[in-house]
Amino acid sequence: MKPKVGQEAGVSYDDRGYVSEQYRSASNLGARGALHGRFSTNGYPWQRWVFDGFDLPAEARILEVGCGLGNLWAENLDRLPGGWNVTLTDASPGMIRESRDHLDDERFRCRLADAQELPFEGGA
């Protein structure tokens, strides 16, 4: 018998309580990242691949919603133009703490914010 997941199991992924509990600390996301790192067949890091797709000017203001551990930016610090200012948001205080620890750089601001209610002008 196939195990039930998601809505079949009574879980709604837009349920703030469920998401908050799953990502209260970095342990679940860290474990998932470790699995990907250990078993990936691609020798090129995923964070580098994502960053390669950015087509932004040398001066840019960037908002990441749901930043997790901030690994995308931590893995690409050496590639960031000096004119980029990045605001990382996450609904989890634990993720924001981890991001701040990873990204001790003046180009980054980390802010607790729910993706469903962003506290920025114009909704972004």
PDB file of N, CA and C in Angstrom:
ATOM      1  N   MET A   1       0.835  -1.177   0.000  1.00  0.00           N
ATOM      2  CA  MET A   1       0.000   0.000   0.000  1.00  0.00           C
ATOM      3  C   MET A   1       0.884   1.248   0.000  1.00  0.00           C
ATOM      4  N   LYS A   2       0.572   2.154  -0.867  1.00  0.00           N
ATOM      5  CA  LYS A   2       1.322   3.402  -0.990  1.00  0.00           C
ATOM      6  C   LYS A   2       1.015   4.313   0.206  1.00  0.00           C
ATOM      7  N   PRO A   3       2.073   4.874   0.852  1.00  0.00           N
ATOM      8  CA  PRO A   3       1.815   5.767   1.994  1.00  0.00           C
ATOM      9  C   PRO A   3       1.151   7.057   1.535  1.00  0.00           C
ATOM     10  N   LYS A   4       0.311   7.586   2.398  1.00  0.00           N
ATOM     11  CA  LYS A   4      -0.367   8.843   2.096  1.00  0.00           C
ATOM     12  C   LYS A   4       0.564  10.010   2.396  1.00  0.00           C
ATOM     13  N   VAL A   5       0.542  10.977   1.512  1.00  0.00           N
ATOM     14  CA  VAL A   5       1.340  12.191   1.700  1.00  0.00           C
ATOM     15  C   VAL A   5       0.475  13.403   1.374  1.00  0.00           C
ATOM     16  N   GLY A   6       0.930  14.565   1.816  1.00  0.00           N
ATOM     17  CA  GLY A   6       0.248  15.812   1.485  1.00  0.00           C
ATOM     18  C   GLY A   6      -1.202  15.811   1.911  1.00  0.00           C
ATOM     19  N   GLN A   7      -2.075  16.257   1.012  1.00  0.00           N
ATOM     20  CA  GLN A   7      -3.491  16.381   1.342  1.00  0.00           C
ATOM     21  C   GLN A   7      -4.130  15.031   1.636  1.00  0.00           C
ATOM     22  N   GLU A   8      -3.637  13.962   1.003  1.00  0.00           N
ATOM     23  CA  GLU A   8      -4.165  12.625   1.289  1.00  0.00           C
ATOM     24  C   GLU A   8      -3.979  12.271   2.759  1.00  0.00           C
ATOM     25  N   ALA A   9      -2.909  12.774   3.353  1.00  0.00           N
ATOM     26  CA  ALA A   9      -2.614  12.484   4.761  1.00  0.00           C
ATOM     27  C   ALA A   9      -3.197  13.551   5.685  1.00  0.00           C
ATOM     28  N   GLY A  10      -3.972  14.464   5.125  1.00  0.00           N
ATOM     29  CA  GLY A  10      -4.569  15.517   5.936  1.00  0.00           C
ATOM     30  C   GLY A  10      -3.643  16.694   6.188  1.00  0.00           C
ATOM     31  N   VAL A  11      -2.591  16.816   5.385  1.00  0.00           N
ATOM     32  CA  VAL A  11      -1.627  17.906   5.543  1.00  0.00           C
ATOM     33  C   VAL A  11      -1.823  18.900   4.409  1.00  0.00           C
ATOM     34  N   SER A  12      -1.953  20.149   4.762  1.00  0.00           N
ATOM     35  CA  SER A  12      -2.025  21.208   3.766  1.00  0.00           C
ATOM     36  C   SER A  12      -0.728  21.998   3.835  1.00  0.00           C
ATOM     37  N   TYR A  13      -0.022  22.074   2.718  1.00  0.00           N
ATOM     38  CA  TYR A  13       1.280  22.733   2.721  1.00  0.00           C
ATOM     39  C   TYR A  13       1.177  24.249   2.834  1.00  0.00           C
ATOM     40  N   ASP A  14      -0.031  24.792   2.753  1.00  0.00           N
ATOM     41  CA  ASP A  14      -0.181  26.219   3.010  1.00  0.00           C
ATOM     42  C   ASP A  14      -0.693  26.466   4.433  1.00  0.00           C
ATOM     43  N   ASP A  15      -0.700  25.417   5.251  1.00  0.00           N
ATOM     44  CA  ASP A  15      -1.046  25.523   6.673  1.00  0.00           C
ATOM     45  C   ASP A  15       0.166  26.085   7.411  1.00  0.00           C
ATOM     46  N   ARG A  16       0.045  27.309   7.884  1.00  0.00           N
ATOM     47  CA  ARG A  16       1.179  27.978   8.522  1.00  0.00           C
ATOM     48  C   ARG A  16       1.697  27.217   9.739  1.00  0.00           C
ATOM     49  N   GLY A  17       0.815  26.614  10.486  1.00  0.00           N
ATOM     50  CA  GLY A  17       1.238  25.854  11.662  1.00  0.00           C
ATOM     51  C   GLY A  17       2.096  24.661  11.280  1.00  0.00           C
ATOM     52  N   TYR A  18       1.669  23.940  10.243  1.00  0.00           N
ATOM     53  CA  TYR A  18       2.424  22.776   9.779  1.00  0.00           C
ATOM     54  C   TYR A  18       3.807  23.192   9.275  1.00  0.00           C
ATOM     55  N   VAL A  19       3.827  24.195   8.423  1.00  0.00           N
ATOM     56  CA  VAL A  19       5.101  24.656   7.855  1.00  0.00           C
ATOM     57  C   VAL A  19       6.007  25.188   8.955  1.00  0.00           C
ATOM     58  N   SER A  20       5.430  25.936   9.876  1.00  0.00           N
ATOM     59  CA  SER A  20       6.209  26.496  10.981  1.00  0.00           C
ATOM     60  C   SER A  20       6.846  25.393  11.817  1.00  0.00           C
ATOM     61  N   GLU A  21       6.111  24.335  12.073  1.00  0.00           N
ATOM     62  CA  GLU A  21       6.637  23.227  12.868  1.00  0.00           C
ATOM     63  C   GLU A  21       7.742  22.485  12.112  1.00  0.00           C
ATOM     64  N   GLN A  22       7.542  22.255  10.820  1.00  0.00           N
ATOM     65  CA  GLN A  22       8.536  21.536  10.017  1.00  0.00           C
ATOM     66  C   GLN A  22       9.864  22.280   9.929  1.00  0.00           C
ATOM     67  N   TYR A  23       9.796  23.608   9.914  1.00  0.00           N
ATOM     68  CA  TYR A  23      11.005  24.406   9.710  1.00  0.00           C
ATOM     69  C   TYR A  23      11.314  25.316  10.891  1.00  0.00           C
ATOM     70  N   ARG A  24      10.883  24.903  12.075  1.00  0.00           N
ATOM     71  CA  ARG A  24      11.150  25.661  13.304  1.00  0.00           C
ATOM     72  C   ARG A  24      12.651  25.820  13.518  1.00  0.00           C
ATOM     73  N   SER A  25      13.391  24.782  13.219  1.00  0.00           N
ATOM     74  CA  SER A  25      14.850  24.835  13.311  1.00  0.00           C
ATOM     75  C   SER A  25      15.417  24.384  11.965  1.00  0.00           C
ATOM     76  N   ALA A  26      16.711  24.425  11.860  1.00  0.00           N
ATOM     77  CA  ALA A  26      17.374  24.084  10.600  1.00  0.00           C
ATOM     78  C   ALA A  26      17.529  22.580  10.396  1.00  0.00           C
ATOM     79  N   SER A  27      17.179  21.765  11.382  1.00  0.00           N
ATOM     80  CA  SER A  27      17.504  20.336  11.303  1.00  0.00           C
ATOM     81  C   SER A  27      16.836  19.620  10.129  1.00  0.00           C
ATOM     82  N   ASN A  28      15.539  19.835   9.887  1.00  0.00           N
ATOM     83  CA  ASN A  28      14.876  19.143   8.777  1.00  0.00           C
ATOM     84  C   ASN A  28      15.431  19.576   7.428  1.00  0.00           C
ATOM     85  N   LEU A  29      15.581  20.872   7.243  1.00  0.00           N
ATOM     86  CA  LEU A  29      16.110  21.368   5.977  1.00  0.00           C
ATOM     87  C   LEU A  29      17.570  20.961   5.806  1.00  0.00           C
ATOM     88  N   GLY A  30      18.335  21.004   6.870  1.00  0.00           N
ATOM     89  CA  GLY A  30      19.731  20.574   6.816  1.00  0.00           C
ATOM     90  C   GLY A  30      19.856  19.105   6.450  1.00  0.00           C
ATOM     91  N   ALA A  31      18.977  18.273   7.004  1.00  0.00           N
ATOM     92  CA  ALA A  31      18.996  16.840   6.692  1.00  0.00           C
ATOM     93  C   ALA A  31      18.668  16.603   5.224  1.00  0.00           C
ATOM     94  N   ARG A  32      17.691  17.336   4.720  1.00  0.00           N
ATOM     95  CA  ARG A  32      17.328  17.190   3.314  1.00  0.00           C
ATOM     96  C   ARG A  32      18.485  17.629   2.412  1.00  0.00           C
ATOM     97  N   GLY A  33      19.117  18.734   2.760  1.00  0.00           N
ATOM     98  CA  GLY A  33      20.266  19.211   1.984  1.00  0.00           C
ATOM     99  C   GLY A  33      21.413  18.223   2.006  1.00  0.00           C
ATOM    100  N   ALA A  34      21.643  17.604   3.164  1.00  0.00           N
ATOM    101  CA  ALA A  34      22.718  16.615   3.284  1.00  0.00           C
ATOM    102  C   ALA A  34      22.440  15.399   2.399  1.00  0.00           C
ATOM    103  N   LEU A  35      21.180  14.976   2.326  1.00  0.00           N
ATOM    104  CA  LEU A  35      20.822  13.858   1.442  1.00  0.00           C
ATOM    105  C   LEU A  35      21.103  14.202  -0.014  1.00  0.00           C
ATOM    106  N   HIS A  36      20.693  15.395  -0.419  1.00  0.00           N
ATOM    107  CA  HIS A  36      20.951  15.814  -1.800  1.00  0.00           C
ATOM    108  C   HIS A  36      22.450  15.851  -2.077  1.00  0.00           C
ATOM    109  N   GLY A  37      23.211  16.405  -1.150  1.00  0.00           N
ATOM    110  CA  GLY A  37      24.656  16.492  -1.328  1.00  0.00           C
ATOM    111  C   GLY A  37      25.317  15.132  -1.410  1.00  0.00           C
ATOM    112  N   ARG A  38      24.834  14.207  -0.599  1.00  0.00           N
ATOM    113  CA  ARG A  38      25.452  12.883  -0.543  1.00  0.00           C
ATOM    114  C   ARG A  38      25.124  12.016  -1.757  1.00  0.00           C
ATOM    115  N   PHE A  39      23.887  12.135  -2.246  1.00  0.00           N
ATOM    116  CA  PHE A  39      23.450  11.219  -3.292  1.00  0.00           C
ATOM    117  C   PHE A  39      23.286  11.852  -4.670  1.00  0.00           C
ATOM    118  N   SER A  40      23.585  13.116  -4.804  1.00  0.00           N
ATOM    119  CA  SER A  40      23.463  13.762  -6.109  1.00  0.00           C
ATOM    120  C   SER A  40      24.466  13.155  -7.086  1.00  0.00           C
ATOM    121  N   THR A  41      24.017  12.932  -8.302  1.00  0.00           N
ATOM    122  CA  THR A  41      24.912  12.394  -9.327  1.00  0.00           C
ATOM    123  C   THR A  41      25.551  13.506 -10.149  1.00  0.00           C
ATOM    124  N   ASN A  42      25.124  14.720  -9.926  1.00  0.00           N
ATOM    125  CA  ASN A  42      25.682  15.863 -10.639  1.00  0.00           C
ATOM    126  C   ASN A  42      26.835  16.436  -9.822  1.00  0.00           C
ATOM    127  N   GLY A  43      27.979  16.589 -10.420  1.00  0.00           N
ATOM    128  CA  GLY A  43      29.143  17.109  -9.712  1.00  0.00           C
ATOM    129  C   GLY A  43      29.129  18.616  -9.517  1.00  0.00           C
ATOM    130  N   TYR A  44      28.192  19.300 -10.165  1.00  0.00           N
ATOM    131  CA  TYR A  44      28.119  20.758 -10.066  1.00  0.00           C
ATOM    132  C   TYR A  44      27.103  21.121  -8.987  1.00  0.00           C
ATOM    133  N   PRO A  45      27.488  21.909  -7.994  1.00  0.00           N
ATOM    134  CA  PRO A  45      26.573  22.226  -6.887  1.00  0.00           C
ATOM    135  C   PRO A  45      25.297  22.932  -7.351  1.00  0.00           C
ATOM    136  N   TRP A  46      24.176  22.530  -6.771  1.00  0.00           N
ATOM    137  CA  TRP A  46      22.874  23.077  -7.132  1.00  0.00           C
ATOM    138  C   TRP A  46      22.829  24.587  -6.939  1.00  0.00           C
ATOM    139  N   GLN A  47      23.399  25.102  -5.836  1.00  0.00           N
ATOM    140  CA  GLN A  47      23.366  26.539  -5.574  1.00  0.00           C
ATOM    141  C   GLN A  47      24.109  27.314  -6.663  1.00  0.00           C
ATOM    142  N   ARG A  48      25.180  26.758  -7.170  1.00  0.00           N
ATOM    143  CA  ARG A  48      25.924  27.395  -8.259  1.00  0.00           C
ATOM    144  C   ARG A  48      25.087  27.395  -9.542  1.00  0.00           C
ATOM    145  N   TRP A  49      24.415  26.279  -9.795  1.00  0.00           N
ATOM    146  CA  TRP A  49      23.587  26.156 -10.992  1.00  0.00           C
ATOM    147  C   TRP A  49      22.463  27.189 -10.975  1.00  0.00           C
ATOM    148  N   VAL A  50      21.792  27.340  -9.842  1.00  0.00           N
ATOM    149  CA  VAL A  50      20.718  28.334  -9.725  1.00  0.00           C
ATOM    150  C   VAL A  50      21.280  29.731  -9.962  1.00  0.00           C
ATOM    151  N   PHE A  51      22.389  30.042  -9.314  1.00  0.00           N
ATOM    152  CA  PHE A  51      23.000  31.361  -9.445  1.00  0.00           C
ATOM    153  C   PHE A  51      23.388  31.655 -10.896  1.00  0.00           C
ATOM    154  N   ASP A  52      23.840  30.638 -11.619  1.00  0.00           N
ATOM    155  CA  ASP A  52      24.200  30.803 -13.030  1.00  0.00           C
ATOM    156  C   ASP A  52      23.033  31.339 -13.855  1.00  0.00           C
ATOM    157  N   GLY A  53      21.817  31.064 -13.432  1.00  0.00           N
ATOM    158  CA  GLY A  53      20.629  31.504 -14.158  1.00  0.00           C
ATOM    159  C   GLY A  53      20.237  32.945 -13.903  1.00  0.00           C
ATOM    160  N   PHE A  54      20.863  33.599 -12.945  1.00  0.00           N
ATOM    161  CA  PHE A  54      20.533  35.000 -12.658  1.00  0.00           C
ATOM    162  C   PHE A  54      21.055  35.891 -13.776  1.00  0.00           C
ATOM    163  N   ASP A  55      20.201  36.762 -14.250  1.00  0.00           N
ATOM    164  CA  ASP A  55      20.593  37.743 -15.261  1.00  0.00           C
ATOM    165  C   ASP A  55      20.216  39.114 -14.712  1.00  0.00           C
ATOM    166  N   LEU A  56      21.033  39.600 -13.793  1.00  0.00           N
ATOM    167  CA  LEU A  56      20.748  40.849 -13.092  1.00  0.00           C
ATOM    168  C   LEU A  56      21.866  41.853 -13.338  1.00  0.00           C
ATOM    169  N   PRO A  57      21.531  43.139 -13.264  1.00  0.00           N
ATOM    170  CA  PRO A  57      22.570  44.155 -13.452  1.00  0.00           C
ATOM    171  C   PRO A  57      23.549  44.180 -12.279  1.00  0.00           C
ATOM    172  N   ALA A  58      24.641  44.888 -12.456  1.00  0.00           N
ATOM    173  CA  ALA A  58      25.670  44.983 -11.413  1.00  0.00           C
ATOM    174  C   ALA A  58      25.154  45.669 -10.154  1.00  0.00           C
ATOM    175  N   GLU A  59      24.146  46.519 -10.299  1.00  0.00           N
ATOM    176  CA  GLU A  59      23.488  47.172  -9.165  1.00  0.00           C
ATOM    177  C   GLU A  59      22.076  46.611  -9.101  1.00  0.00           C
ATOM    178  N   ALA A  60      21.740  45.899  -8.026  1.00  0.00           N
ATOM    179  CA  ALA A  60      20.410  45.294  -7.937  1.00  0.00           C
ATOM    180  C   ALA A  60      19.977  45.155  -6.486  1.00  0.00           C
ATOM    181  N   ARG A  61      18.673  45.296  -6.276  1.00  0.00           N
ATOM    182  CA  ARG A  61      18.053  44.994  -4.984  1.00  0.00           C
ATOM    183  C   ARG A  61      17.277  43.700  -5.181  1.00  0.00           C
ATOM    184  N   ILE A  62      17.586  42.708  -4.371  1.00  0.00           N
ATOM    185  CA  ILE A  62      17.041  41.364  -4.547  1.00  0.00           C
ATOM    186  C   ILE A  62      16.304  40.957  -3.282  1.00  0.00           C
ATOM    187  N   LEU A  63      15.127  40.349  -3.462  1.00  0.00           N
ATOM    188  CA  LEU A  63      14.346  39.821  -2.351  1.00  0.00           C
ATOM    189  C   LEU A  63      14.214  38.323  -2.545  1.00  0.00           C
ATOM    190  N   GLU A  64      14.680  37.554  -1.565  1.00  0.00           N
ATOM    191  CA  GLU A  64      14.445  36.112  -1.591  1.00  0.00           C
ATOM    192  C   GLU A  64      13.394  35.799  -0.545  1.00  0.00           C
ATOM    193  N   VAL A  65      12.355  35.116  -0.978  1.00  0.00           N
ATOM    194  CA  VAL A  65      11.259  34.728  -0.096  1.00  0.00           C
ATOM    195  C   VAL A  65      11.424  33.248   0.218  1.00  0.00           C
ATOM    196  N   GLY A  66      11.520  32.928   1.505  1.00  0.00           N
ATOM    197  CA  GLY A  66      11.751  31.547   1.909  1.00  0.00           C
ATOM    198  C   GLY A  66      13.210  31.168   1.732  1.00  0.00           C
ATOM    199  N   CYS A  67      14.082  31.892   2.388  1.00  0.00           N
ATOM    200  CA  CYS A  67      15.535  31.743   2.180  1.00  0.00           C
ATOM    201  C   CYS A  67      16.130  30.497   2.812  1.00  0.00           C
ATOM    202  N   GLY A  68      15.396  29.864   3.730  1.00  0.00           N
ATOM    203  CA  GLY A  68      15.969  28.697   4.387  1.00  0.00           C
ATOM    204  C   GLY A  68      17.245  29.055   5.114  1.00  0.00           C
ATOM    205  N   LEU A  69      18.294  28.307   4.870  1.00  0.00           N
ATOM    206  CA  LEU A  69      19.571  28.510   5.552  1.00  0.00           C
ATOM    207  C   LEU A  69      20.449  29.569   4.897  1.00  0.00           C
ATOM    208  N   GLY A  70      19.991  30.126   3.779  1.00  0.00           N
ATOM    209  CA  GLY A  70      20.798  31.112   3.067  1.00  0.00           C
ATOM    210  C   GLY A  70      21.907  30.491   2.244  1.00  0.00           C
ATOM    211  N   ASN A  71      21.810  29.187   1.994  1.00  0.00           N
ATOM    212  CA  ASN A  71      22.888  28.481   1.297  1.00  0.00           C
ATOM    213  C   ASN A  71      23.124  28.965  -0.130  1.00  0.00           C
ATOM    214  N   LEU A  72      22.065  29.385  -0.818  1.00  0.00           N
ATOM    215  CA  LEU A  72      22.238  29.878  -2.180  1.00  0.00           C
ATOM    216  C   LEU A  72      23.260  31.005  -2.206  1.00  0.00           C
ATOM    217  N   TRP A  73      23.154  31.893  -1.238  1.00  0.00           N
ATOM    218  CA  TRP A  73      24.034  33.059  -1.194  1.00  0.00           C
ATOM    219  C   TRP A  73      25.390  32.719  -0.581  1.00  0.00           C
ATOM    220  N   ALA A  74      25.384  31.905   0.448  1.00  0.00           N
ATOM    221  CA  ALA A  74      26.649  31.519   1.088  1.00  0.00           C
ATOM    222  C   ALA A  74      27.559  30.791   0.100  1.00  0.00           C
ATOM    223  N   GLU A  75      26.969  29.969  -0.756  1.00  0.00           N
ATOM    224  CA  GLU A  75      27.755  29.205  -1.731  1.00  0.00           C
ATOM    225  C   GLU A  75      28.219  30.050  -2.914  1.00  0.00           C
ATOM    226  N   ASN A  76      27.690  31.259  -3.033  1.00  0.00           N
ATOM    227  CA  ASN A  76      28.042  32.117  -4.164  1.00  0.00           C
ATOM    228  C   ASN A  76      28.593  33.471  -3.745  1.00  0.00           C
ATOM    229  N   LEU A  77      29.006  33.607  -2.499  1.00  0.00           N
ATOM    230  CA  LEU A  77      29.524  34.893  -2.017  1.00  0.00           C
ATOM    231  C   LEU A  77      30.648  35.426  -2.900  1.00  0.00           C
ATOM    232  N   ASP A  78      31.491  34.543  -3.373  1.00  0.00           N
ATOM    233  CA  ASP A  78      32.624  34.958  -4.203  1.00  0.00           C
ATOM    234  C   ASP A  78      32.202  35.465  -5.576  1.00  0.00           C
ATOM    235  N   ARG A  79      30.953  35.270  -5.926  1.00  0.00           N
ATOM    236  CA  ARG A  79      30.458  35.655  -7.247  1.00  0.00           C
ATOM    237  C   ARG A  79      29.539  36.871  -7.206  1.00  0.00           C
ATOM    238  N   LEU A  80      29.211  37.354  -6.014  1.00  0.00           N
ATOM    239  CA  LEU A  80      28.264  38.459  -5.870  1.00  0.00           C
ATOM    240  C   LEU A  80      28.890  39.797  -6.235  1.00  0.00           C
ATOM    241  N   PRO A  81      28.255  40.538  -7.134  1.00  0.00           N
ATOM    242  CA  PRO A  81      28.736  41.890  -7.406  1.00  0.00           C
ATOM    243  C   PRO A  81      28.602  42.762  -6.158  1.00  0.00           C
ATOM    244  N   GLY A  82      29.497  43.697  -5.995  1.00  0.00           N
ATOM    245  CA  GLY A  82      29.464  44.588  -4.841  1.00  0.00           C
ATOM    246  C   GLY A  82      28.221  45.450  -4.775  1.00  0.00           C
ATOM    247  N   GLY A  83      27.545  45.652  -5.906  1.00  0.00           N
ATOM    248  CA  GLY A  83      26.365  46.505  -5.950  1.00  0.00           C
ATOM    249  C   GLY A  83      25.052  45.793  -5.692  1.00  0.00           C
ATOM    250  N   TRP A  84      25.108  44.532  -5.322  1.00  0.00           N
ATOM    251  CA  TRP A  84      23.871  43.823  -5.002  1.00  0.00           C
ATOM    252  C   TRP A  84      23.556  43.997  -3.525  1.00  0.00           C
ATOM    253  N   ASN A  85      22.287  44.260  -3.230  1.00  0.00           N
ATOM    254  CA  ASN A  85      21.775  44.282  -1.863  1.00  0.00           C
ATOM    255  C   ASN A  85      20.666  43.247  -1.796  1.00  0.00           C
ATOM    256  N   VAL A  86      20.832  42.271  -0.930  1.00  0.00           N
ATOM    257  CA  VAL A  86      19.930  41.129  -0.878  1.00  0.00           C
ATOM    258  C   VAL A  86      19.191  41.112   0.455  1.00  0.00           C
ATOM    259  N   THR A  87      17.863  41.032   0.377  1.00  0.00           N
ATOM    260  CA  THR A  87      17.038  40.855   1.564  1.00  0.00           C
ATOM    261  C   THR A  87      16.525  39.427   1.551  1.00  0.00           C
ATOM    262  N   LEU A  88      16.855  38.694   2.596  1.00  0.00           N
ATOM    263  CA  LEU A  88      16.403  37.311   2.726  1.00  0.00           C
ATOM    264  C   LEU A  88      15.274  37.273   3.742  1.00  0.00           C
ATOM    265  N   THR A  89      14.199  36.596   3.399  1.00  0.00           N
ATOM    266  CA  THR A  89      13.078  36.464   4.324  1.00  0.00           C
ATOM    267  C   THR A  89      12.744  34.997   4.526  1.00  0.00           C
ATOM    268  N   ASP A  90      12.210  34.712   5.688  1.00  0.00           N
ATOM    269  CA  ASP A  90      11.703  33.382   5.991  1.00  0.00           C
ATOM    270  C   ASP A  90      10.716  33.531   7.135  1.00  0.00           C
ATOM    271  N   ALA A  91       9.750  32.638   7.202  1.00  0.00           N
ATOM    272  CA  ALA A  91       8.766  32.666   8.279  1.00  0.00           C
ATOM    273  C   ALA A  91       9.302  32.022   9.549  1.00  0.00           C
ATOM    274  N   SER A  92      10.436  31.356   9.451  1.00  0.00           N
ATOM    275  CA  SER A  92      11.007  30.641  10.590  1.00  0.00           C
ATOM    276  C   SER A  92      12.129  31.444  11.247  1.00  0.00           C
ATOM    277  N   PRO A  93      11.985  31.751  12.535  1.00  0.00           N
ATOM    278  CA  PRO A  93      13.079  32.427  13.238  1.00  0.00           C
ATOM    279  C   PRO A  93      14.380  31.618  13.200  1.00  0.00           C
ATOM    280  N   GLY A  94      14.272  30.297  13.227  1.00  0.00           N
ATOM    281  CA  GLY A  94      15.456  29.443  13.166  1.00  0.00           C
ATOM    282  C   GLY A  94      16.200  29.593  11.850  1.00  0.00           C
ATOM    283  N   MET A  95      15.463  29.698  10.754  1.00  0.00           N
ATOM    284  CA  MET A  95      16.093  29.870   9.445  1.00  0.00           C
ATOM    285  C   MET A  95      16.760  31.240   9.344  1.00  0.00           C
ATOM    286  N   ILE A  96      16.112  32.249   9.879  1.00  0.00           N
ATOM    287  CA  ILE A  96      16.693  33.595   9.849  1.00  0.00           C
ATOM    288  C   ILE A  96      17.985  33.622  10.662  1.00  0.00           C
ATOM    289  N   ARG A  97      17.984  32.967  11.817  1.00  0.00           N
ATOM    290  CA  ARG A  97      19.211  32.889  12.631  1.00  0.00           C
ATOM    291  C   ARG A  97      20.345  32.236  11.850  1.00  0.00           C
ATOM    292  N   GLU A  98      20.039  31.108  11.225  1.00  0.00           N
ATOM    293  CA  GLU A  98      21.057  30.385  10.454  1.00  0.00           C
ATOM    294  C   GLU A  98      21.570  31.233   9.285  1.00  0.00           C
ATOM    295  N   SER A  99      20.655  31.904   8.603  1.00  0.00           N
ATOM    296  CA  SER A  99      21.059  32.753   7.482  1.00  0.00           C
ATOM    297  C   SER A  99      21.990  33.862   7.941  1.00  0.00           C
ATOM    298  N   ARG A 100      21.655  34.477   9.046  1.00  0.00           N
ATOM    299  CA  ARG A 100      22.519  35.544   9.576  1.00  0.00           C
ATOM    300  C   ARG A 100      23.905  35.003   9.915  1.00  0.00           C
ATOM    301  N   ASP A 101      23.943  33.798  10.469  1.00  0.00           N
ATOM    302  CA  ASP A 101      25.235  33.190  10.809  1.00  0.00           C
ATOM    303  C   ASP A 101      26.073  32.911   9.559  1.00  0.00           C
ATOM    304  N   HIS A 102      25.411  32.454   8.488  1.00  0.00           N
ATOM    305  CA  HIS A 102      26.111  32.136   7.240  1.00  0.00           C
ATOM    306  C   HIS A 102      26.544  33.378   6.470  1.00  0.00           C
ATOM    307  N   LEU A 103      25.799  34.461   6.628  1.00  0.00           N
ATOM    308  CA  LEU A 103      25.981  35.616   5.748  1.00  0.00           C
ATOM    309  C   LEU A 103      26.305  36.876   6.527  1.00  0.00           C
ATOM    310  N   ASP A 104      27.431  36.892   7.155  1.00  0.00           N
ATOM    311  CA  ASP A 104      27.883  38.072   7.889  1.00  0.00           C
ATOM    312  C   ASP A 104      28.548  39.015   6.889  1.00  0.00           C
ATOM    313  N   ASP A 105      27.721  39.704   6.124  1.00  0.00           N
ATOM    314  CA  ASP A 105      28.188  40.542   5.021  1.00  0.00           C
ATOM    315  C   ASP A 105      27.214  41.713   4.897  1.00  0.00           C
ATOM    316  N   GLU A 106      27.721  42.902   4.693  1.00  0.00           N
ATOM    317  CA  GLU A 106      26.877  44.098   4.669  1.00  0.00           C
ATOM    318  C   GLU A 106      25.883  44.120   3.510  1.00  0.00           C
ATOM    319  N   ARG A 107      26.064  43.275   2.511  1.00  0.00           N
ATOM    320  CA  ARG A 107      25.134  43.239   1.374  1.00  0.00           C
ATOM    321  C   ARG A 107      23.842  42.497   1.691  1.00  0.00           C
ATOM    322  N   PHE A 108      23.783  41.863   2.876  1.00  0.00           N
ATOM    323  CA  PHE A 108      22.622  41.044   3.217  1.00  0.00           C
ATOM    324  C   PHE A 108      21.871  41.596   4.415  1.00  0.00           C
ATOM    325  N   ARG A 109      20.549  41.519   4.314  1.00  0.00           N
ATOM    326  CA  ARG A 109      19.665  41.766   5.451  1.00  0.00           C
ATOM    327  C   ARG A 109      18.759  40.548   5.558  1.00  0.00           C
ATOM    328  N   CYS A 110      18.562  40.074   6.767  1.00  0.00           N
ATOM    329  CA  CYS A 110      17.693  38.924   6.995  1.00  0.00           C
ATOM    330  C   CYS A 110      16.498  39.397   7.804  1.00  0.00           C
ATOM    331  N   ARG A 111      15.316  38.995   7.363  1.00  0.00           N
ATOM    332  CA  ARG A 111      14.105  39.504   8.001  1.00  0.00           C
ATOM    333  C   ARG A 111      13.064  38.401   8.132  1.00  0.00           C
ATOM    334  N   LEU A 112      12.487  38.320   9.310  1.00  0.00           N
ATOM    335  CA  LEU A 112      11.398  37.382   9.555  1.00  0.00           C
ATOM    336  C   LEU A 112      10.162  37.887   8.817  1.00  0.00           C
ATOM    337  N   ALA A 113       9.636  37.087   7.906  1.00  0.00           N
ATOM    338  CA  ALA A 113       8.455  37.489   7.137  1.00  0.00           C
ATOM    339  C   ALA A 113       7.785  36.259   6.544  1.00  0.00           C
ATOM    340  N   ASP A 114       6.471  36.266   6.551  1.00  0.00           N
ATOM    341  CA  ASP A 114       5.668  35.200   5.980  1.00  0.00           C
ATOM    342  C   ASP A 114       5.454  35.484   4.492  1.00  0.00           C
ATOM    343  N   ALA A 115       5.675  34.502   3.657  1.00  0.00           N
ATOM    344  CA  ALA A 115       5.524  34.669   2.209  1.00  0.00           C
ATOM    345  C   ALA A 115       4.105  35.074   1.824  1.00  0.00           C
ATOM    346  N   GLN A 116       3.126  34.734   2.664  1.00  0.00           N
ATOM    347  CA  GLN A 116       1.742  35.066   2.357  1.00  0.00           C
ATOM    348  C   GLN A 116       1.380  36.493   2.759  1.00  0.00           C
ATOM    349  N   GLU A 117       2.253  37.142   3.520  1.00  0.00           N
ATOM    350  CA  GLU A 117       2.006  38.520   3.957  1.00  0.00           C
ATOM    351  C   GLU A 117       3.330  39.273   4.021  1.00  0.00           C
ATOM    352  N   LEU A 118       3.908  39.556   2.878  1.00  0.00           N
ATOM    353  CA  LEU A 118       5.202  40.238   2.851  1.00  0.00           C
ATOM    354  C   LEU A 118       5.064  41.683   3.329  1.00  0.00           C
ATOM    355  N   PRO A 119       5.959  42.123   4.205  1.00  0.00           N
ATOM    356  CA  PRO A 119       5.859  43.461   4.797  1.00  0.00           C
ATOM    357  C   PRO A 119       6.589  44.541   3.988  1.00  0.00           C
ATOM    358  N   PHE A 120       6.468  44.470   2.672  1.00  0.00           N
ATOM    359  CA  PHE A 120       7.159  45.425   1.817  1.00  0.00           C
ATOM    360  C   PHE A 120       6.148  46.165   0.960  1.00  0.00           C
ATOM    361  N   GLU A 121       6.490  47.381   0.558  1.00  0.00           N
ATOM    362  CA  GLU A 121       5.614  48.160  -0.313  1.00  0.00           C
ATOM    363  C   GLU A 121       5.313  47.392  -1.583  1.00  0.00           C
ATOM    364  N   GLY A 122       4.073  47.468  -2.008  1.00  0.00           N
ATOM    365  CA  GLY A 122       3.689  46.789  -3.245  1.00  0.00           C
ATOM    366  C   GLY A 122       3.682  45.278  -3.128  1.00  0.00           C
ATOM    367  N   GLY A 123       3.800  44.748  -1.916  1.00  0.00           N
ATOM    368  CA  GLY A 123       3.785  43.305  -1.712  1.00  0.00           C
ATOM    369  C   GLY A 123       5.114  42.630  -1.977  1.00  0.00           C
ATOM    370  N   ALA A 124       6.129  43.415  -2.342  1.00  0.00           N
ATOM    371  CA  ALA A 124       7.443  42.799  -2.585  1.00  0.00           C
ATOM    372  C   ALA A 124       8.550  43.744  -2.185  1.00  0.00           C
TER     373      ALA A 124
END
